[in-house]
């Protein structure tokens, strides 16, 4: 009977392992062939081009008017929804700015005009005031309302939640703005 040294056993094991991996690869290629790259890349290019055309044709969904919802909106519910906004905004009278501006007395205030806060060019270029409908549109999708805004928040989807937040913000003032 032959005796094998440790190195011979190790070499044999490595050789068998390589054969098993190579054989598995070959069998896998036979059973599941890879698609041709030229075909798949042209399909991807056509799909992305048609997606761009369809997205360019699709008009953004209209934003529901907030006026009718404000009368029934609950500032308490708005305060709860606003908690996620407190990460970047303060609401105290004469409060400091954080990542976003202080929102005391924001309803009816000039857009992009808070002392000590550097607004994005997108918001600074809008001009006008933060009326109810302007706040509604901005809170719905900030990046769609003001492309290039620094605000990273995705928006508040439900109109009733936006109305509640706006009702809450309306109350953060010495003289709240009249309801529409």
N, C-alpha and C. Protein backbone atom coordinates (compact mmCIF):
# COMPACT_ATOMS: atom_id res chain seq x y z
N UNK A 1 0.84 -1.17 0.00
CA UNK A 1 0.00 0.00 0.00
C UNK A 1 0.89 1.23 0.00
N UNK A 2 0.49 2.26 -0.80
CA UNK A 2 1.31 3.46 -0.91
C UNK A 2 0.92 4.46 0.16
N UNK A 3 1.93 5.14 0.66
CA UNK A 3 1.69 6.21 1.62
C UNK A 3 1.87 7.54 0.90
N UNK A 4 0.91 8.44 1.10
CA UNK A 4 0.98 9.77 0.49
C UNK A 4 1.37 10.78 1.55
N UNK A 5 2.23 11.69 1.16
CA UNK A 5 2.62 12.75 2.10
C UNK A 5 1.50 13.79 2.18
N UNK A 6 1.60 14.63 3.16
CA UNK A 6 0.60 15.68 3.38
C UNK A 6 0.49 16.59 2.16
N UNK A 7 1.60 16.98 1.56
CA UNK A 7 1.61 17.89 0.41
C UNK A 7 0.93 17.25 -0.80
N UNK A 8 1.10 15.95 -0.98
CA UNK A 8 0.45 15.27 -2.09
C UNK A 8 -1.06 15.24 -1.89
N UNK A 9 -1.48 15.02 -0.65
CA UNK A 9 -2.91 15.01 -0.35
C UNK A 9 -3.51 16.40 -0.57
N UNK A 10 -2.80 17.44 -0.14
CA UNK A 10 -3.28 18.81 -0.30
C UNK A 10 -3.37 19.18 -1.78
N UNK A 11 -2.35 18.83 -2.54
CA UNK A 11 -2.36 19.10 -3.98
C UNK A 11 -3.50 18.40 -4.68
N UNK A 12 -3.76 17.16 -4.31
CA UNK A 12 -4.87 16.41 -4.90
C UNK A 12 -6.21 17.04 -4.56
N UNK A 13 -6.36 17.50 -3.32
CA UNK A 13 -7.62 18.12 -2.90
C UNK A 13 -7.86 19.42 -3.67
N UNK A 14 -6.81 20.22 -3.84
CA UNK A 14 -6.95 21.48 -4.59
C UNK A 14 -7.31 21.18 -6.03
N UNK A 15 -6.67 20.19 -6.63
CA UNK A 15 -6.95 19.82 -8.01
C UNK A 15 -8.39 19.36 -8.18
N UNK A 16 -8.87 18.54 -7.28
CA UNK A 16 -10.26 18.07 -7.33
C UNK A 16 -11.22 19.25 -7.16
N UNK A 17 -10.92 20.16 -6.25
CA UNK A 17 -11.78 21.32 -6.02
C UNK A 17 -11.86 22.20 -7.27
N UNK A 18 -10.72 22.42 -7.93
CA UNK A 18 -10.71 23.22 -9.16
C UNK A 18 -11.54 22.53 -10.24
N UNK A 19 -11.41 21.21 -10.38
CA UNK A 19 -12.20 20.49 -11.37
C UNK A 19 -13.69 20.59 -11.07
N UNK A 20 -14.08 20.52 -9.81
CA UNK A 20 -15.49 20.61 -9.44
C UNK A 20 -16.04 22.00 -9.78
N UNK A 21 -15.30 23.04 -9.45
CA UNK A 21 -15.76 24.40 -9.74
C UNK A 21 -15.85 24.61 -11.25
N UNK A 22 -14.81 24.20 -11.99
CA UNK A 22 -14.81 24.37 -13.44
C UNK A 22 -15.94 23.57 -14.08
N UNK A 23 -16.14 22.36 -13.63
CA UNK A 23 -17.21 21.52 -14.16
C UNK A 23 -18.58 22.10 -13.88
N UNK A 24 -18.78 22.62 -12.68
CA UNK A 24 -20.06 23.24 -12.33
C UNK A 24 -20.32 24.45 -13.22
N UNK A 25 -19.28 25.22 -13.47
CA UNK A 25 -19.41 26.39 -14.33
C UNK A 25 -19.81 25.98 -15.75
N UNK A 26 -19.15 24.97 -16.27
CA UNK A 26 -19.45 24.51 -17.64
C UNK A 26 -20.87 23.97 -17.73
N UNK A 27 -21.29 23.19 -16.76
CA UNK A 27 -22.65 22.65 -16.76
C UNK A 27 -23.67 23.78 -16.64
N UNK A 28 -23.37 24.77 -15.80
CA UNK A 28 -24.26 25.92 -15.65
C UNK A 28 -24.42 26.71 -16.94
N UNK A 29 -23.31 26.89 -17.68
CA UNK A 29 -23.39 27.60 -18.95
C UNK A 29 -24.20 26.83 -19.98
N UNK A 30 -24.13 25.51 -19.94
CA UNK A 30 -24.91 24.71 -20.88
C UNK A 30 -26.40 24.78 -20.55
N UNK A 31 -26.72 24.75 -19.27
CA UNK A 31 -28.13 24.76 -18.86
C UNK A 31 -28.76 26.15 -18.97
N UNK A 32 -28.01 27.19 -18.61
CA UNK A 32 -28.53 28.56 -18.61
C UNK A 32 -27.56 29.44 -19.38
N UNK A 33 -27.77 29.57 -20.68
CA UNK A 33 -26.84 30.40 -21.46
C UNK A 33 -27.03 31.88 -21.14
N UNK A 34 -25.93 32.64 -21.22
CA UNK A 34 -25.99 34.08 -20.98
C UNK A 34 -26.55 34.75 -22.22
N UNK A 35 -27.42 35.77 -22.05
CA UNK A 35 -27.94 36.49 -23.22
C UNK A 35 -26.83 37.30 -23.87
N UNK A 36 -26.99 37.56 -25.16
CA UNK A 36 -25.99 38.35 -25.86
C UNK A 36 -26.05 39.78 -25.37
N UNK A 37 -24.90 40.38 -25.12
CA UNK A 37 -24.83 41.73 -24.58
C UNK A 37 -25.39 42.76 -25.55
N UNK A 38 -25.14 42.61 -26.82
CA UNK A 38 -25.59 43.60 -27.80
C UNK A 38 -27.11 43.70 -27.80
N UNK A 39 -27.79 42.55 -27.73
CA UNK A 39 -29.24 42.57 -27.72
C UNK A 39 -29.77 43.20 -26.45
N UNK A 40 -29.25 42.81 -25.30
CA UNK A 40 -29.78 43.31 -24.04
C UNK A 40 -29.52 44.80 -23.87
N UNK A 41 -28.37 45.31 -24.32
CA UNK A 41 -28.10 46.73 -24.16
C UNK A 41 -28.99 47.56 -25.07
N UNK A 42 -29.33 47.06 -26.27
CA UNK A 42 -30.23 47.82 -27.13
C UNK A 42 -31.64 47.81 -26.56
N UNK A 43 -32.05 46.72 -25.94
CA UNK A 43 -33.36 46.67 -25.30
C UNK A 43 -33.43 47.66 -24.15
N UNK A 44 -32.36 47.73 -23.35
CA UNK A 44 -32.32 48.67 -22.23
C UNK A 44 -32.37 50.10 -22.75
N UNK A 45 -31.63 50.39 -23.82
CA UNK A 45 -31.62 51.74 -24.38
C UNK A 45 -33.00 52.12 -24.89
N UNK A 46 -33.68 51.18 -25.58
CA UNK A 46 -35.03 51.46 -26.07
C UNK A 46 -36.00 51.67 -24.92
N UNK A 47 -35.88 50.85 -23.88
CA UNK A 47 -36.78 50.98 -22.73
C UNK A 47 -36.58 52.30 -22.02
N UNK A 48 -35.33 52.72 -21.84
CA UNK A 48 -35.09 53.99 -21.15
C UNK A 48 -35.55 55.16 -22.00
N UNK A 49 -35.41 55.08 -23.33
CA UNK A 49 -35.88 56.15 -24.20
C UNK A 49 -37.39 56.26 -24.15
N UNK A 50 -38.10 55.12 -24.16
CA UNK A 50 -39.56 55.18 -24.09
C UNK A 50 -40.02 55.65 -22.72
N UNK A 51 -39.28 55.33 -21.67
CA UNK A 51 -39.63 55.81 -20.34
C UNK A 51 -39.48 57.32 -20.27
N UNK A 52 -38.42 57.86 -20.90
CA UNK A 52 -38.23 59.31 -20.91
C UNK A 52 -39.36 60.00 -21.67
N UNK A 53 -39.76 59.41 -22.81
CA UNK A 53 -40.86 60.00 -23.58
C UNK A 53 -42.15 59.99 -22.78
N UNK A 54 -42.45 58.88 -22.12
CA UNK A 54 -43.70 58.79 -21.37
C UNK A 54 -43.69 59.70 -20.17
N UNK A 55 -42.53 59.87 -19.51
CA UNK A 55 -42.48 60.77 -18.36
C UNK A 55 -42.56 62.21 -18.81
N UNK A 56 -42.05 62.52 -20.01
CA UNK A 56 -42.14 63.89 -20.51
C UNK A 56 -43.58 64.22 -20.89
N UNK A 57 -44.33 63.23 -21.38
CA UNK A 57 -45.71 63.45 -21.78
C UNK A 57 -46.63 63.55 -20.56
N UNK A 58 -46.33 62.80 -19.52
CA UNK A 58 -47.22 62.75 -18.35
C UNK A 58 -47.15 64.06 -17.59
N UNK A 59 -48.29 64.69 -17.46
CA UNK A 59 -48.35 65.93 -16.69
C UNK A 59 -48.40 65.58 -15.21
N UNK A 60 -47.82 66.42 -14.36
CA UNK A 60 -47.88 66.13 -12.94
C UNK A 60 -49.33 66.13 -12.46
N UNK A 61 -49.59 65.27 -11.51
CA UNK A 61 -50.95 65.18 -10.97
C UNK A 61 -51.31 66.51 -10.32
N UNK A 62 -52.53 66.99 -10.55
CA UNK A 62 -52.93 68.26 -9.94
C UNK A 62 -52.99 68.13 -8.43
N UNK A 63 -52.63 69.21 -7.76
CA UNK A 63 -52.64 69.22 -6.31
C UNK A 63 -54.01 69.71 -5.86
N UNK A 64 -54.60 68.96 -4.95
CA UNK A 64 -55.92 69.31 -4.44
C UNK A 64 -55.87 70.66 -3.73
N UNK A 65 -56.88 71.50 -3.98
CA UNK A 65 -56.94 72.80 -3.31
C UNK A 65 -57.04 72.59 -1.81
N UNK A 66 -56.33 73.43 -1.08
CA UNK A 66 -56.24 73.26 0.36
C UNK A 66 -57.31 74.07 1.09
N UNK A 67 -57.81 75.14 0.45
CA UNK A 67 -58.77 76.03 1.09
C UNK A 67 -59.94 75.31 1.74
N UNK A 68 -60.66 74.46 1.00
CA UNK A 68 -61.81 73.77 1.59
C UNK A 68 -61.43 72.84 2.75
N UNK A 69 -60.21 72.31 2.75
CA UNK A 69 -59.79 71.39 3.80
C UNK A 69 -59.34 72.11 5.07
N UNK A 70 -58.94 73.37 4.94
CA UNK A 70 -58.41 74.10 6.10
C UNK A 70 -59.44 74.32 7.19
N UNK A 71 -60.70 74.54 6.80
CA UNK A 71 -61.75 74.81 7.80
C UNK A 71 -61.90 73.63 8.76
N UNK A 72 -61.75 72.42 8.24
CA UNK A 72 -61.92 71.23 9.08
C UNK A 72 -60.59 70.68 9.59
N UNK A 73 -59.49 71.29 9.20
CA UNK A 73 -58.18 70.76 9.58
C UNK A 73 -57.91 70.95 11.07
N UNK A 74 -57.26 69.96 11.66
CA UNK A 74 -56.95 69.98 13.09
C UNK A 74 -55.50 70.41 13.31
N UNK A 75 -55.29 71.57 13.97
CA UNK A 75 -53.92 71.98 14.28
C UNK A 75 -53.19 70.95 15.16
N UNK A 76 -53.94 70.24 16.00
CA UNK A 76 -53.32 69.21 16.85
C UNK A 76 -52.77 68.07 15.99
N UNK A 77 -53.54 67.66 14.98
CA UNK A 77 -53.05 66.63 14.06
C UNK A 77 -51.86 67.16 13.28
N UNK A 78 -51.91 68.44 12.92
CA UNK A 78 -50.79 69.07 12.22
C UNK A 78 -49.53 69.10 13.07
N UNK A 79 -49.70 69.30 14.37
CA UNK A 79 -48.55 69.31 15.27
C UNK A 79 -47.88 67.94 15.29
N UNK A 80 -48.70 66.88 15.26
CA UNK A 80 -48.14 65.52 15.24
C UNK A 80 -47.39 65.27 13.93
N UNK A 81 -48.00 65.66 12.82
CA UNK A 81 -47.35 65.46 11.52
C UNK A 81 -46.09 66.31 11.41
N UNK A 82 -46.11 67.49 12.04
CA UNK A 82 -44.99 68.42 11.96
C UNK A 82 -43.75 67.90 12.69
N UNK A 83 -43.89 66.89 13.53
CA UNK A 83 -42.73 66.39 14.30
C UNK A 83 -41.56 66.03 13.39
N UNK A 84 -41.85 65.48 12.21
CA UNK A 84 -40.75 65.13 11.30
C UNK A 84 -40.08 66.37 10.74
N UNK A 85 -40.76 67.51 10.75
CA UNK A 85 -40.19 68.77 10.25
C UNK A 85 -39.25 69.40 11.27
N UNK A 86 -39.46 69.07 12.55
CA UNK A 86 -38.66 69.67 13.62
C UNK A 86 -37.19 69.26 13.57
N UNK A 87 -36.88 68.26 12.79
CA UNK A 87 -35.49 67.86 12.62
C UNK A 87 -34.70 69.02 12.01
N UNK A 88 -35.33 69.77 11.11
CA UNK A 88 -34.64 70.84 10.39
C UNK A 88 -35.16 72.24 10.71
N UNK A 89 -36.35 72.37 11.29
CA UNK A 89 -36.96 73.68 11.50
C UNK A 89 -37.28 73.91 12.98
N UNK A 90 -37.20 75.18 13.40
CA UNK A 90 -37.68 75.59 14.72
C UNK A 90 -38.98 76.35 14.50
N UNK A 91 -39.77 76.49 15.58
CA UNK A 91 -41.06 77.16 15.45
C UNK A 91 -41.26 78.23 16.52
N UNK A 92 -40.23 78.53 17.29
CA UNK A 92 -40.34 79.51 18.37
C UNK A 92 -40.29 80.93 17.82
N UNK A 93 -41.01 81.83 18.49
CA UNK A 93 -40.94 83.24 18.11
C UNK A 93 -39.50 83.69 18.31
N UNK A 94 -38.94 84.32 17.31
CA UNK A 94 -37.53 84.76 17.30
C UNK A 94 -36.57 83.58 17.50
N UNK A 95 -37.00 82.38 17.13
CA UNK A 95 -36.15 81.20 17.26
C UNK A 95 -35.04 81.18 16.24
N UNK A 96 -34.03 80.40 16.54
CA UNK A 96 -32.87 80.28 15.65
C UNK A 96 -33.21 79.41 14.45
N UNK A 97 -32.48 79.62 13.39
CA UNK A 97 -32.59 78.76 12.22
C UNK A 97 -31.77 77.50 12.46
N UNK A 98 -32.20 76.41 11.87
CA UNK A 98 -31.42 75.17 11.90
C UNK A 98 -30.96 74.90 10.47
N UNK A 99 -31.10 73.68 10.03
CA UNK A 99 -30.81 73.36 8.63
C UNK A 99 -31.79 74.10 7.73
N UNK A 100 -33.03 74.22 8.22
CA UNK A 100 -34.06 75.00 7.54
C UNK A 100 -34.38 76.23 8.38
N UNK A 101 -35.13 77.17 7.82
CA UNK A 101 -35.43 78.40 8.55
C UNK A 101 -36.45 78.20 9.67
N UNK A 102 -36.47 79.13 10.60
CA UNK A 102 -37.49 79.16 11.64
C UNK A 102 -38.83 79.42 10.96
N UNK A 103 -39.87 78.73 11.38
CA UNK A 103 -41.16 78.82 10.71
C UNK A 103 -42.21 79.61 11.49
N UNK A 104 -41.80 80.36 12.51
CA UNK A 104 -42.75 81.21 13.23
C UNK A 104 -43.29 82.25 12.24
N UNK A 105 -44.59 82.40 12.20
CA UNK A 105 -45.27 83.40 11.37
C UNK A 105 -44.95 83.21 9.88
N UNK A 106 -44.88 81.96 9.43
CA UNK A 106 -44.54 81.68 8.03
C UNK A 106 -45.73 81.89 7.10
N UNK A 107 -46.96 81.62 7.57
CA UNK A 107 -48.13 81.77 6.70
C UNK A 107 -48.34 83.25 6.40
N UNK A 108 -48.27 83.60 5.13
CA UNK A 108 -48.42 84.98 4.70
C UNK A 108 -47.11 85.74 4.61
N UNK A 109 -46.02 85.15 5.09
CA UNK A 109 -44.72 85.82 5.09
C UNK A 109 -44.10 85.79 3.69
N UNK A 110 -43.14 86.68 3.44
CA UNK A 110 -42.41 86.68 2.18
C UNK A 110 -41.60 85.39 2.07
N UNK A 111 -41.59 84.83 0.87
CA UNK A 111 -40.79 83.63 0.62
C UNK A 111 -39.32 83.99 0.61
N UNK A 112 -38.52 83.13 1.21
CA UNK A 112 -37.05 83.26 1.20
C UNK A 112 -36.59 84.58 1.79
N UNK A 113 -37.21 85.01 2.89
CA UNK A 113 -36.85 86.29 3.50
C UNK A 113 -36.67 86.18 5.01
N UNK A 114 -36.11 85.11 5.51
CA UNK A 114 -35.84 84.99 6.95
C UNK A 114 -34.45 85.50 7.25
N UNK A 115 -34.34 86.37 8.24
CA UNK A 115 -33.03 86.91 8.62
C UNK A 115 -32.11 85.78 9.06
N UNK A 116 -30.89 85.83 8.58
CA UNK A 116 -29.88 84.88 9.01
C UNK A 116 -29.95 83.52 8.35
N UNK A 117 -30.82 83.36 7.34
CA UNK A 117 -30.90 82.07 6.66
C UNK A 117 -30.60 82.26 5.18
N UNK A 118 -29.71 81.42 4.65
CA UNK A 118 -29.33 81.47 3.23
C UNK A 118 -30.20 80.48 2.46
N UNK A 119 -31.13 81.02 1.69
CA UNK A 119 -32.04 80.19 0.90
C UNK A 119 -31.37 79.76 -0.40
N UNK A 120 -31.89 78.69 -0.97
CA UNK A 120 -31.42 78.25 -2.28
C UNK A 120 -31.87 79.27 -3.33
N UNK A 121 -31.16 79.30 -4.43
CA UNK A 121 -31.54 80.20 -5.52
C UNK A 121 -32.94 79.87 -6.03
N UNK A 122 -33.31 78.59 -5.96
CA UNK A 122 -34.63 78.17 -6.44
C UNK A 122 -35.74 78.86 -5.66
N UNK A 123 -35.64 78.90 -4.34
CA UNK A 123 -36.67 79.56 -3.54
C UNK A 123 -36.52 81.07 -3.58
N UNK A 124 -35.30 81.56 -3.55
CA UNK A 124 -35.08 83.01 -3.57
C UNK A 124 -35.63 83.62 -4.85
N UNK A 125 -35.59 82.88 -5.94
CA UNK A 125 -36.08 83.39 -7.21
C UNK A 125 -37.58 83.37 -7.37
N UNK A 126 -38.30 82.73 -6.47
CA UNK A 126 -39.75 82.64 -6.61
C UNK A 126 -40.45 83.95 -6.28
N UNK A 127 -40.00 84.64 -5.26
CA UNK A 127 -40.68 85.87 -4.85
C UNK A 127 -42.06 85.56 -4.29
N UNK A 128 -42.80 86.60 -3.96
CA UNK A 128 -44.16 86.41 -3.45
C UNK A 128 -44.19 86.00 -1.99
N UNK A 129 -45.38 85.62 -1.55
CA UNK A 129 -45.61 85.25 -0.15
C UNK A 129 -45.99 83.78 -0.04
N UNK A 130 -45.86 83.26 1.18
CA UNK A 130 -46.29 81.90 1.49
C UNK A 130 -47.78 81.92 1.82
N UNK A 131 -48.61 81.88 0.79
CA UNK A 131 -50.05 81.74 0.99
C UNK A 131 -50.40 80.29 1.23
N UNK A 132 -51.68 80.04 1.46
CA UNK A 132 -52.11 78.67 1.76
C UNK A 132 -51.84 77.73 0.58
N UNK A 133 -52.18 78.16 -0.62
CA UNK A 133 -51.99 77.28 -1.78
C UNK A 133 -50.50 77.10 -2.10
N UNK A 134 -49.69 78.13 -1.88
CA UNK A 134 -48.26 78.01 -2.10
C UNK A 134 -47.64 77.02 -1.12
N UNK A 135 -48.03 77.11 0.13
CA UNK A 135 -47.54 76.15 1.13
C UNK A 135 -48.00 74.74 0.78
N UNK A 136 -49.25 74.61 0.33
CA UNK A 136 -49.78 73.31 -0.04
C UNK A 136 -48.95 72.69 -1.17
N UNK A 137 -48.68 73.47 -2.20
CA UNK A 137 -47.91 72.95 -3.34
C UNK A 137 -46.48 72.60 -2.91
N UNK A 138 -45.87 73.45 -2.10
CA UNK A 138 -44.50 73.20 -1.66
C UNK A 138 -44.43 71.97 -0.76
N UNK A 139 -45.34 71.85 0.19
CA UNK A 139 -45.32 70.71 1.10
C UNK A 139 -45.68 69.41 0.41
N UNK A 140 -46.40 69.49 -0.71
CA UNK A 140 -46.75 68.30 -1.46
C UNK A 140 -45.49 67.64 -2.03
N UNK A 141 -44.69 68.41 -2.75
CA UNK A 141 -43.43 67.91 -3.34
C UNK A 141 -42.49 69.09 -3.47
N UNK A 142 -41.67 69.35 -2.46
CA UNK A 142 -40.79 70.53 -2.49
C UNK A 142 -39.90 70.61 -3.73
N UNK A 143 -39.35 69.49 -4.16
CA UNK A 143 -38.43 69.52 -5.30
C UNK A 143 -39.17 69.76 -6.62
N UNK A 144 -40.44 69.40 -6.71
CA UNK A 144 -41.21 69.68 -7.91
C UNK A 144 -41.66 71.14 -7.92
N UNK A 145 -41.98 71.68 -6.75
CA UNK A 145 -42.43 73.07 -6.65
C UNK A 145 -41.29 74.04 -6.92
N UNK A 146 -40.13 73.75 -6.37
CA UNK A 146 -38.95 74.62 -6.53
C UNK A 146 -37.74 73.76 -6.87
N UNK A 147 -37.62 73.35 -8.15
CA UNK A 147 -36.47 72.52 -8.53
C UNK A 147 -35.16 73.21 -8.17
N UNK A 148 -34.32 72.50 -7.44
CA UNK A 148 -33.06 73.05 -6.98
C UNK A 148 -33.09 73.48 -5.53
N UNK A 149 -34.23 73.30 -4.86
CA UNK A 149 -34.32 73.66 -3.45
C UNK A 149 -33.38 72.79 -2.62
N UNK A 150 -32.92 73.35 -1.51
CA UNK A 150 -32.03 72.59 -0.61
C UNK A 150 -32.83 71.63 0.26
N UNK A 151 -34.13 71.81 0.33
CA UNK A 151 -34.96 70.98 1.20
C UNK A 151 -34.97 69.54 0.69
N UNK A 152 -34.52 68.63 1.54
CA UNK A 152 -34.39 67.23 1.15
C UNK A 152 -35.66 66.43 1.42
N UNK A 153 -36.63 67.00 2.08
CA UNK A 153 -37.87 66.32 2.45
C UNK A 153 -38.65 65.96 1.19
N UNK A 154 -39.17 64.74 1.12
CA UNK A 154 -39.89 64.26 -0.06
C UNK A 154 -41.26 64.90 -0.21
N UNK A 155 -41.89 65.27 0.88
CA UNK A 155 -43.21 65.88 0.81
C UNK A 155 -44.23 65.12 1.63
N UNK A 156 -45.41 65.73 1.76
CA UNK A 156 -46.53 65.12 2.49
C UNK A 156 -47.56 64.74 1.44
N UNK A 157 -47.83 63.45 1.29
CA UNK A 157 -48.70 62.96 0.22
C UNK A 157 -50.17 63.34 0.42
N UNK A 158 -50.70 63.10 1.60
CA UNK A 158 -52.13 63.29 1.83
C UNK A 158 -52.47 64.76 2.00
N UNK A 159 -53.47 65.22 1.25
CA UNK A 159 -53.90 66.62 1.32
C UNK A 159 -54.41 66.96 2.71
N UNK A 160 -55.08 66.02 3.37
CA UNK A 160 -55.60 66.30 4.71
C UNK A 160 -54.45 66.50 5.71
N UNK A 161 -53.36 65.77 5.55
CA UNK A 161 -52.19 65.96 6.41
C UNK A 161 -51.53 67.30 6.14
N UNK A 162 -51.45 67.69 4.86
CA UNK A 162 -50.89 69.00 4.53
C UNK A 162 -51.75 70.12 5.11
N UNK A 163 -53.07 69.96 5.02
CA UNK A 163 -53.98 70.96 5.57
C UNK A 163 -53.78 71.08 7.08
N UNK A 164 -53.60 69.96 7.76
CA UNK A 164 -53.40 69.98 9.21
C UNK A 164 -52.08 70.68 9.56
N UNK A 165 -51.03 70.42 8.81
CA UNK A 165 -49.74 71.07 9.07
C UNK A 165 -49.85 72.57 8.81
N UNK A 166 -50.53 72.95 7.75
CA UNK A 166 -50.70 74.38 7.44
C UNK A 166 -51.55 75.05 8.51
N UNK A 167 -52.58 74.37 9.01
CA UNK A 167 -53.39 74.92 10.11
C UNK A 167 -52.53 75.10 11.36
N UNK A 168 -51.65 74.16 11.61
CA UNK A 168 -50.74 74.27 12.75
C UNK A 168 -49.79 75.44 12.57
N UNK A 169 -49.20 75.56 11.38
CA UNK A 169 -48.28 76.67 11.10
C UNK A 169 -49.00 78.01 11.18
N UNK A 170 -50.26 78.05 10.75
CA UNK A 170 -51.06 79.27 10.82
C UNK A 170 -51.16 79.77 12.25
N UNK A 171 -51.30 78.86 13.19
CA UNK A 171 -51.42 79.21 14.61
C UNK A 171 -50.11 79.69 15.23
N UNK A 172 -49.00 79.47 14.56
CA UNK A 172 -47.69 79.89 15.09
C UNK A 172 -47.43 81.33 14.68
N UNK A 173 -48.21 82.23 15.25
CA UNK A 173 -48.13 83.64 14.89
C UNK A 173 -48.80 84.47 15.97
N UNK A 174 -48.36 85.74 16.10
CA UNK A 174 -49.04 86.65 17.02
C UNK A 174 -50.42 87.02 16.47
N UNK A 175 -50.54 87.09 15.15
CA UNK A 175 -51.80 87.43 14.49
C UNK A 175 -51.98 86.46 13.32
N UNK A 176 -52.60 85.29 13.56
CA UNK A 176 -52.76 84.30 12.49
C UNK A 176 -53.48 84.87 11.27
N UNK A 177 -53.04 84.46 10.09
CA UNK A 177 -53.65 84.90 8.83
C UNK A 177 -55.08 84.38 8.76
N UNK A 178 -55.92 85.16 8.08
CA UNK A 178 -57.33 84.77 7.92
C UNK A 178 -57.41 83.53 7.03
N UNK A 179 -58.39 82.69 7.32
CA UNK A 179 -58.60 81.50 6.49
C UNK A 179 -59.18 81.93 5.15
N UNK A 180 -58.90 81.18 4.11
CA UNK A 180 -59.45 81.55 2.78
C UNK A 180 -60.95 81.33 2.71
